[in-house]
């Protein structure tokens, strides 16, 4: 039995949806991992800079008053830069990583919806094939056909 044009169109649509879901799953997962790695590296850089600021302060305490004041100001400016880096880390986590992570659940739900839809289509196709076989065997027996006919 050949597939009708509608069935082929539905199959193509289903295949395209499956490809889209797989594509999103692959690329969004990869982007989420890369952004998370970027945030971790940025946070480690911030931590290293905090250590550097402390070390500059410790060294400044051993120098002459004029050099001490200049080094303390430099350390303060470097600490302010790290405050911006901390804000960057927090923004990336909240505005990029969390939304990307939420797509995992969306993709899973869409994959389940597609599977449910495909199962319903398969059941309908089987029922229609059974109805057609019954019609061919008993073309004039309406009672048997109506019992096989899906509601």
N, C-alpha and C. Protein backbone atom coordinates (compact mmCIF):
# COMPACT_ATOMS: atom_id res chain seq x y z
N UNK A 1 0.85 -1.18 0.00
CA UNK A 1 0.00 0.00 0.00
C UNK A 1 0.90 1.24 0.00
N UNK A 2 0.71 2.13 -0.97
CA UNK A 2 1.56 3.32 -1.05
C UNK A 2 1.03 4.40 -0.12
N UNK A 3 1.93 5.26 0.27
CA UNK A 3 1.59 6.34 1.20
C UNK A 3 0.91 7.46 0.42
N UNK A 4 -0.08 8.07 1.03
CA UNK A 4 -0.77 9.18 0.40
C UNK A 4 0.12 10.42 0.46
N UNK A 5 -0.15 11.40 -0.40
CA UNK A 5 0.65 12.64 -0.33
C UNK A 5 0.57 13.30 1.05
N UNK A 6 -0.59 13.22 1.69
CA UNK A 6 -0.71 13.79 3.04
C UNK A 6 0.18 13.07 4.03
N UNK A 7 0.23 11.75 3.93
CA UNK A 7 1.07 10.95 4.84
C UNK A 7 2.54 11.27 4.61
N UNK A 8 2.93 11.40 3.33
CA UNK A 8 4.33 11.75 3.04
C UNK A 8 4.66 13.13 3.58
N UNK A 9 3.74 14.06 3.42
CA UNK A 9 3.97 15.42 3.93
C UNK A 9 4.11 15.41 5.45
N UNK A 10 3.24 14.62 6.12
CA UNK A 10 3.34 14.51 7.58
C UNK A 10 4.67 13.87 7.99
N UNK A 11 5.08 12.84 7.25
CA UNK A 11 6.36 12.18 7.55
C UNK A 11 7.53 13.15 7.37
N UNK A 12 7.49 13.93 6.31
CA UNK A 12 8.54 14.93 6.09
C UNK A 12 8.54 15.98 7.19
N UNK A 13 7.34 16.40 7.58
CA UNK A 13 7.23 17.39 8.66
C UNK A 13 7.77 16.81 9.97
N UNK A 14 7.42 15.58 10.25
CA UNK A 14 7.90 14.92 11.47
C UNK A 14 9.42 14.80 11.45
N UNK A 15 9.95 14.39 10.31
CA UNK A 15 11.41 14.25 10.19
C UNK A 15 12.10 15.61 10.39
N UNK A 16 11.52 16.66 9.83
CA UNK A 16 12.09 18.01 9.97
C UNK A 16 12.04 18.45 11.45
N UNK A 17 10.95 18.17 12.12
CA UNK A 17 10.83 18.52 13.54
C UNK A 17 11.87 17.75 14.35
N UNK A 18 12.04 16.47 14.06
CA UNK A 18 13.04 15.66 14.76
C UNK A 18 14.44 16.24 14.53
N UNK A 19 14.73 16.63 13.29
CA UNK A 19 16.03 17.23 12.99
C UNK A 19 16.23 18.53 13.76
N UNK A 20 15.19 19.34 13.82
CA UNK A 20 15.28 20.61 14.55
C UNK A 20 15.53 20.37 16.04
N UNK A 21 14.81 19.42 16.61
CA UNK A 21 14.99 19.11 18.03
C UNK A 21 16.41 18.63 18.29
N UNK A 22 16.89 17.73 17.46
CA UNK A 22 18.26 17.21 17.61
C UNK A 22 19.28 18.33 17.46
N UNK A 23 19.05 19.21 16.50
CA UNK A 23 19.95 20.34 16.26
C UNK A 23 20.01 21.27 17.48
N UNK A 24 18.85 21.62 18.01
CA UNK A 24 18.80 22.48 19.20
C UNK A 24 19.48 21.79 20.37
N UNK A 25 19.17 20.53 20.55
CA UNK A 25 19.75 19.76 21.66
C UNK A 25 21.28 19.78 21.59
N UNK A 26 21.80 19.53 20.41
CA UNK A 26 23.26 19.48 20.22
C UNK A 26 23.90 20.85 20.45
N UNK A 27 23.42 21.86 19.73
CA UNK A 27 24.08 23.16 19.74
C UNK A 27 23.84 23.93 21.04
N UNK A 28 22.64 23.89 21.58
CA UNK A 28 22.40 24.61 22.83
C UNK A 28 23.16 23.96 23.97
N UNK A 29 23.26 22.65 23.96
CA UNK A 29 24.05 21.96 24.99
C UNK A 29 25.51 22.37 24.92
N UNK A 30 26.03 22.40 23.70
CA UNK A 30 27.44 22.80 23.51
C UNK A 30 27.66 24.26 23.93
N UNK A 31 26.73 25.14 23.53
CA UNK A 31 26.87 26.56 23.92
C UNK A 31 26.80 26.72 25.43
N UNK A 32 25.90 25.99 26.06
CA UNK A 32 25.77 26.07 27.52
C UNK A 32 27.08 25.65 28.19
N UNK A 33 27.68 24.56 27.72
CA UNK A 33 28.95 24.10 28.29
C UNK A 33 30.05 25.13 28.07
N UNK A 34 30.11 25.70 26.87
CA UNK A 34 31.15 26.69 26.57
C UNK A 34 30.98 27.97 27.39
N UNK A 35 29.75 28.44 27.52
CA UNK A 35 29.52 29.63 28.35
C UNK A 35 29.87 29.34 29.80
N UNK A 36 29.51 28.17 30.28
CA UNK A 36 29.84 27.81 31.66
C UNK A 36 31.35 27.78 31.86
N UNK A 37 32.08 27.23 30.88
CA UNK A 37 33.54 27.21 30.97
C UNK A 37 34.10 28.63 30.95
N UNK A 38 33.53 29.48 30.12
CA UNK A 38 33.95 30.88 30.04
C UNK A 38 33.74 31.57 31.39
N UNK A 39 32.58 31.35 31.99
CA UNK A 39 32.28 31.96 33.29
C UNK A 39 33.24 31.45 34.35
N UNK A 40 33.52 30.14 34.35
CA UNK A 40 34.46 29.60 35.33
C UNK A 40 35.84 30.22 35.17
N UNK A 41 36.30 30.34 33.94
CA UNK A 41 37.62 30.95 33.70
C UNK A 41 37.63 32.41 34.12
N UNK A 42 36.56 33.13 33.84
CA UNK A 42 36.47 34.53 34.24
C UNK A 42 36.48 34.64 35.77
N UNK A 43 35.77 33.74 36.43
CA UNK A 43 35.74 33.74 37.90
C UNK A 43 37.13 33.41 38.46
N UNK A 44 37.84 32.47 37.82
CA UNK A 44 39.20 32.16 38.29
C UNK A 44 40.13 33.36 38.08
N UNK A 45 39.97 34.06 36.98
CA UNK A 45 40.77 35.26 36.72
C UNK A 45 40.47 36.32 37.78
N UNK A 46 39.21 36.47 38.13
CA UNK A 46 38.83 37.40 39.20
C UNK A 46 39.49 37.00 40.51
N UNK A 47 39.48 35.71 40.82
CA UNK A 47 40.10 35.23 42.06
C UNK A 47 41.59 35.51 42.06
N UNK A 48 42.26 35.24 40.93
CA UNK A 48 43.70 35.52 40.84
C UNK A 48 43.98 37.00 41.00
N UNK A 49 43.13 37.82 40.41
CA UNK A 49 43.32 39.27 40.55
C UNK A 49 43.12 39.72 41.99
N UNK A 50 42.19 39.12 42.70
CA UNK A 50 41.99 39.43 44.12
C UNK A 50 43.25 39.11 44.92
N UNK A 51 43.88 37.99 44.59
CA UNK A 51 45.13 37.62 45.25
C UNK A 51 46.21 38.65 44.92
N UNK A 52 46.26 39.08 43.68
CA UNK A 52 47.22 40.08 43.25
C UNK A 52 47.00 41.40 43.99
N UNK A 53 45.75 41.82 44.13
CA UNK A 53 45.43 43.05 44.86
C UNK A 53 45.93 42.95 46.30
N UNK A 54 45.69 41.81 46.95
CA UNK A 54 46.17 41.64 48.33
C UNK A 54 47.70 41.71 48.40
N UNK A 55 48.35 41.06 47.44
CA UNK A 55 49.82 41.07 47.44
C UNK A 55 50.37 42.47 47.21
N UNK A 56 49.73 43.23 46.33
CA UNK A 56 50.16 44.62 46.11
C UNK A 56 50.01 45.42 47.39
N UNK A 57 48.91 45.21 48.09
CA UNK A 57 48.69 45.91 49.36
C UNK A 57 49.73 45.55 50.40
N UNK A 58 50.06 44.27 50.48
CA UNK A 58 51.08 43.82 51.44
C UNK A 58 52.42 44.44 51.10
N UNK A 59 52.78 44.43 49.82
CA UNK A 59 54.06 45.01 49.41
C UNK A 59 54.06 46.52 49.65
N UNK A 60 52.94 47.19 49.37
CA UNK A 60 52.86 48.64 49.56
C UNK A 60 53.12 49.02 51.01
N UNK A 61 52.70 48.16 51.93
CA UNK A 61 52.90 48.45 53.35
C UNK A 61 54.38 48.47 53.73
N UNK A 62 55.23 47.91 52.89
CA UNK A 62 56.67 47.88 53.19
C UNK A 62 57.43 49.02 52.53
N UNK A 63 56.77 49.85 51.74
CA UNK A 63 57.44 50.90 50.97
C UNK A 63 57.29 52.27 51.63
N UNK A 64 57.93 53.23 50.99
CA UNK A 64 57.89 54.62 51.47
C UNK A 64 56.47 55.16 51.34
N UNK A 65 56.13 56.19 52.11
CA UNK A 65 54.75 56.70 52.08
C UNK A 65 54.26 57.10 50.68
N UNK A 66 55.13 57.75 49.91
CA UNK A 66 54.71 58.18 48.58
C UNK A 66 54.42 56.98 47.67
N UNK A 67 55.32 56.01 47.62
CA UNK A 67 55.12 54.81 46.81
C UNK A 67 53.96 53.99 47.37
N UNK A 68 53.85 53.95 48.69
CA UNK A 68 52.76 53.20 49.33
C UNK A 68 51.41 53.74 48.87
N UNK A 69 51.25 55.06 48.88
CA UNK A 69 49.98 55.67 48.49
C UNK A 69 49.66 55.32 47.01
N UNK A 70 50.66 55.42 46.14
CA UNK A 70 50.45 55.10 44.72
C UNK A 70 50.08 53.64 44.51
N UNK A 71 50.76 52.74 45.22
CA UNK A 71 50.46 51.31 45.06
C UNK A 71 49.09 50.96 45.64
N UNK A 72 48.73 51.62 46.75
CA UNK A 72 47.40 51.37 47.34
C UNK A 72 46.30 51.84 46.37
N UNK A 73 46.52 52.97 45.71
CA UNK A 73 45.54 53.46 44.73
C UNK A 73 45.45 52.49 43.54
N UNK A 74 46.61 52.02 43.10
CA UNK A 74 46.62 51.05 42.01
C UNK A 74 45.84 49.79 42.42
N UNK A 75 46.07 49.32 43.63
CA UNK A 75 45.37 48.13 44.12
C UNK A 75 43.86 48.38 44.20
N UNK A 76 43.46 49.57 44.60
CA UNK A 76 42.03 49.90 44.67
C UNK A 76 41.40 49.89 43.27
N UNK A 77 42.12 50.47 42.30
CA UNK A 77 41.61 50.48 40.92
C UNK A 77 41.49 49.06 40.37
N UNK A 78 42.50 48.25 40.63
CA UNK A 78 42.47 46.86 40.19
C UNK A 78 41.31 46.11 40.87
N UNK A 79 41.07 46.42 42.14
CA UNK A 79 39.95 45.78 42.85
C UNK A 79 38.61 46.20 42.24
N UNK A 80 38.50 47.45 41.81
CA UNK A 80 37.25 47.92 41.17
C UNK A 80 37.03 47.19 39.84
N UNK A 81 38.11 46.96 39.11
CA UNK A 81 37.99 46.20 37.87
C UNK A 81 37.46 44.80 38.17
N UNK A 82 37.92 44.22 39.27
CA UNK A 82 37.47 42.88 39.64
C UNK A 82 36.00 42.87 40.05
N UNK A 83 35.53 44.02 40.61
CA UNK A 83 34.11 44.13 40.92
C UNK A 83 33.29 44.05 39.63
N UNK A 84 33.76 44.70 38.57
CA UNK A 84 33.09 44.61 37.27
C UNK A 84 33.15 43.18 36.73
N UNK A 85 34.26 42.53 36.92
CA UNK A 85 34.39 41.15 36.45
C UNK A 85 33.40 40.26 37.22
N UNK A 86 33.24 40.49 38.52
CA UNK A 86 32.27 39.73 39.31
C UNK A 86 30.86 39.97 38.79
N UNK A 87 30.54 41.22 38.47
CA UNK A 87 29.22 41.53 37.92
C UNK A 87 29.03 40.82 36.58
N UNK A 88 30.08 40.75 35.77
CA UNK A 88 30.01 40.05 34.50
C UNK A 88 29.70 38.57 34.72
N UNK A 89 30.38 37.97 35.66
CA UNK A 89 30.15 36.54 35.97
C UNK A 89 28.69 36.33 36.39
N UNK A 90 28.21 37.17 37.27
CA UNK A 90 26.83 37.02 37.76
C UNK A 90 25.81 37.23 36.65
N UNK A 91 26.04 38.24 35.79
CA UNK A 91 25.12 38.49 34.67
C UNK A 91 25.12 37.32 33.68
N UNK A 92 26.29 36.81 33.37
CA UNK A 92 26.36 35.68 32.44
C UNK A 92 25.63 34.46 33.00
N UNK A 93 25.81 34.20 34.28
CA UNK A 93 25.12 33.06 34.88
C UNK A 93 23.60 33.24 34.83
N UNK A 94 23.15 34.46 35.18
CA UNK A 94 21.71 34.70 35.27
C UNK A 94 21.05 34.88 33.90
N UNK A 95 21.70 35.57 33.00
CA UNK A 95 21.05 35.96 31.75
C UNK A 95 21.40 35.06 30.56
N UNK A 96 22.44 34.25 30.68
CA UNK A 96 22.83 33.41 29.55
C UNK A 96 22.75 31.93 29.92
N UNK A 97 23.46 31.54 30.95
CA UNK A 97 23.57 30.12 31.27
C UNK A 97 22.24 29.55 31.75
N UNK A 98 21.57 30.21 32.66
CA UNK A 98 20.29 29.68 33.16
C UNK A 98 19.25 29.53 32.05
N UNK A 99 19.05 30.56 31.20
CA UNK A 99 18.10 30.36 30.10
C UNK A 99 18.50 29.22 29.15
N UNK A 100 19.80 29.08 28.87
CA UNK A 100 20.24 27.99 28.00
C UNK A 100 19.97 26.64 28.65
N UNK A 101 20.20 26.55 29.97
CA UNK A 101 19.96 25.28 30.66
C UNK A 101 18.48 24.90 30.61
N UNK A 102 17.60 25.90 30.65
CA UNK A 102 16.17 25.60 30.64
C UNK A 102 15.72 24.97 29.33
N UNK A 103 16.48 25.18 28.26
CA UNK A 103 16.11 24.59 26.98
C UNK A 103 16.22 23.07 27.01
N UNK A 104 17.03 22.51 27.90
CA UNK A 104 17.12 21.06 28.01
C UNK A 104 15.76 20.45 28.32
N UNK A 105 15.05 21.03 29.27
CA UNK A 105 13.72 20.53 29.63
C UNK A 105 12.72 20.76 28.49
N UNK A 106 12.83 21.90 27.82
CA UNK A 106 11.93 22.20 26.70
C UNK A 106 12.14 21.19 25.58
N UNK A 107 13.39 20.92 25.25
CA UNK A 107 13.70 19.96 24.18
C UNK A 107 13.19 18.57 24.55
N UNK A 108 13.37 18.18 25.79
CA UNK A 108 12.90 16.86 26.23
C UNK A 108 11.38 16.77 26.09
N UNK A 109 10.68 17.83 26.51
CA UNK A 109 9.23 17.86 26.42
C UNK A 109 8.77 17.80 24.96
N UNK A 110 9.45 18.53 24.09
CA UNK A 110 9.08 18.53 22.67
C UNK A 110 9.34 17.17 22.03
N UNK A 111 10.41 16.53 22.44
CA UNK A 111 10.71 15.19 21.91
C UNK A 111 9.61 14.21 22.35
N UNK A 112 9.15 14.30 23.60
CA UNK A 112 8.06 13.44 24.09
C UNK A 112 6.76 13.75 23.35
N UNK A 113 6.47 15.04 23.11
CA UNK A 113 5.26 15.42 22.37
C UNK A 113 5.29 14.83 20.97
N UNK A 114 6.45 14.92 20.33
CA UNK A 114 6.59 14.38 18.97
C UNK A 114 6.38 12.87 18.97
N UNK A 115 6.93 12.20 19.98
CA UNK A 115 6.79 10.75 20.07
C UNK A 115 5.31 10.37 20.26
N UNK A 116 4.61 11.11 21.11
CA UNK A 116 3.18 10.86 21.35
C UNK A 116 2.38 11.08 20.07
N UNK A 117 2.69 12.16 19.36
CA UNK A 117 2.00 12.46 18.10
C UNK A 117 2.25 11.37 17.07
N UNK A 118 3.50 10.95 16.97
CA UNK A 118 3.86 9.90 16.01
C UNK A 118 3.14 8.59 16.34
N UNK A 119 3.05 8.26 17.62
CA UNK A 119 2.34 7.04 18.03
C UNK A 119 0.86 7.12 17.65
N UNK A 120 0.25 8.30 17.85
CA UNK A 120 -1.15 8.47 17.49
C UNK A 120 -1.34 8.33 15.98
N UNK A 121 -0.42 8.90 15.20
CA UNK A 121 -0.50 8.76 13.74
C UNK A 121 -0.36 7.30 13.31
N UNK A 122 0.57 6.60 13.94
CA UNK A 122 0.77 5.18 13.60
C UNK A 122 -0.49 4.37 13.91
N UNK A 123 -1.09 4.63 15.09
CA UNK A 123 -2.33 3.92 15.45
C UNK A 123 -3.44 4.23 14.44
N UNK A 124 -3.55 5.49 14.06
CA UNK A 124 -4.58 5.88 13.09
C UNK A 124 -4.33 5.20 11.74
N UNK A 125 -3.10 5.15 11.31
CA UNK A 125 -2.78 4.51 10.03
C UNK A 125 -3.12 3.02 10.08
N UNK A 126 -2.82 2.35 11.19
CA UNK A 126 -3.16 0.93 11.32
C UNK A 126 -4.67 0.71 11.28
N UNK A 127 -5.41 1.60 11.98
CA UNK A 127 -6.86 1.48 11.98
C UNK A 127 -7.42 1.70 10.57
N UNK A 128 -6.87 2.67 9.87
CA UNK A 128 -7.35 2.93 8.51
C UNK A 128 -7.03 1.76 7.59
N UNK A 129 -5.86 1.17 7.75
CA UNK A 129 -5.49 0.02 6.93
C UNK A 129 -6.42 -1.16 7.23
N UNK A 130 -6.73 -1.36 8.52
CA UNK A 130 -7.64 -2.44 8.90
C UNK A 130 -9.03 -2.18 8.32
N UNK A 131 -9.48 -0.94 8.37
CA UNK A 131 -10.79 -0.59 7.81
C UNK A 131 -10.81 -0.86 6.30
N UNK A 132 -9.75 -0.47 5.64
CA UNK A 132 -9.68 -0.68 4.19
C UNK A 132 -9.70 -2.18 3.84
N UNK A 133 -8.96 -2.99 4.62
CA UNK A 133 -8.97 -4.44 4.40
C UNK A 133 -10.37 -5.01 4.60
N UNK A 134 -11.03 -4.54 5.64
CA UNK A 134 -12.39 -5.01 5.92
C UNK A 134 -13.33 -4.61 4.80
N UNK A 135 -13.21 -3.42 4.29
CA UNK A 135 -14.06 -2.95 3.18
C UNK A 135 -13.82 -3.80 1.93
N UNK A 136 -12.57 -4.16 1.69
CA UNK A 136 -12.26 -4.96 0.50
C UNK A 136 -12.80 -6.38 0.64
N UNK A 137 -12.75 -6.93 1.86
CA UNK A 137 -13.25 -8.31 2.07
C UNK A 137 -14.76 -8.36 2.07
N UNK A 138 -15.40 -7.36 2.70
CA UNK A 138 -16.86 -7.35 2.86
C UNK A 138 -17.40 -5.98 2.43
N UNK A 139 -17.41 -5.67 1.15
CA UNK A 139 -17.80 -4.33 0.72
C UNK A 139 -19.26 -3.98 1.03
N UNK A 140 -20.11 -4.96 1.14
CA UNK A 140 -21.53 -4.64 1.35
C UNK A 140 -21.98 -4.80 2.80
N UNK A 141 -21.13 -5.31 3.67
CA UNK A 141 -21.53 -5.55 5.06
C UNK A 141 -21.20 -4.31 5.92
N UNK A 142 -22.15 -3.40 5.98
CA UNK A 142 -21.94 -2.13 6.69
C UNK A 142 -21.77 -2.31 8.21
N UNK A 143 -22.38 -3.34 8.78
CA UNK A 143 -22.27 -3.55 10.22
C UNK A 143 -20.82 -3.89 10.60
N UNK A 144 -20.18 -4.76 9.88
CA UNK A 144 -18.79 -5.12 10.17
C UNK A 144 -17.88 -3.91 9.94
N UNK A 145 -18.13 -3.19 8.84
CA UNK A 145 -17.32 -1.99 8.55
C UNK A 145 -17.46 -0.96 9.65
N UNK A 146 -18.69 -0.75 10.14
CA UNK A 146 -18.89 0.26 11.20
C UNK A 146 -18.24 -0.18 12.52
N UNK A 147 -18.14 -1.48 12.77
CA UNK A 147 -17.48 -1.96 13.98
C UNK A 147 -15.97 -1.74 13.90
N UNK A 148 -15.39 -1.84 12.71
CA UNK A 148 -13.96 -1.66 12.53
C UNK A 148 -13.61 -0.18 12.45
N UNK A 149 -14.54 0.63 11.96
CA UNK A 149 -14.29 2.05 11.72
C UNK A 149 -13.93 2.77 13.02
N UNK A 150 -12.84 3.52 13.04
CA UNK A 150 -12.46 4.26 14.24
C UNK A 150 -13.46 5.39 14.50
N UNK A 151 -13.67 5.65 15.76
CA UNK A 151 -14.63 6.68 16.15
C UNK A 151 -13.97 8.03 16.21
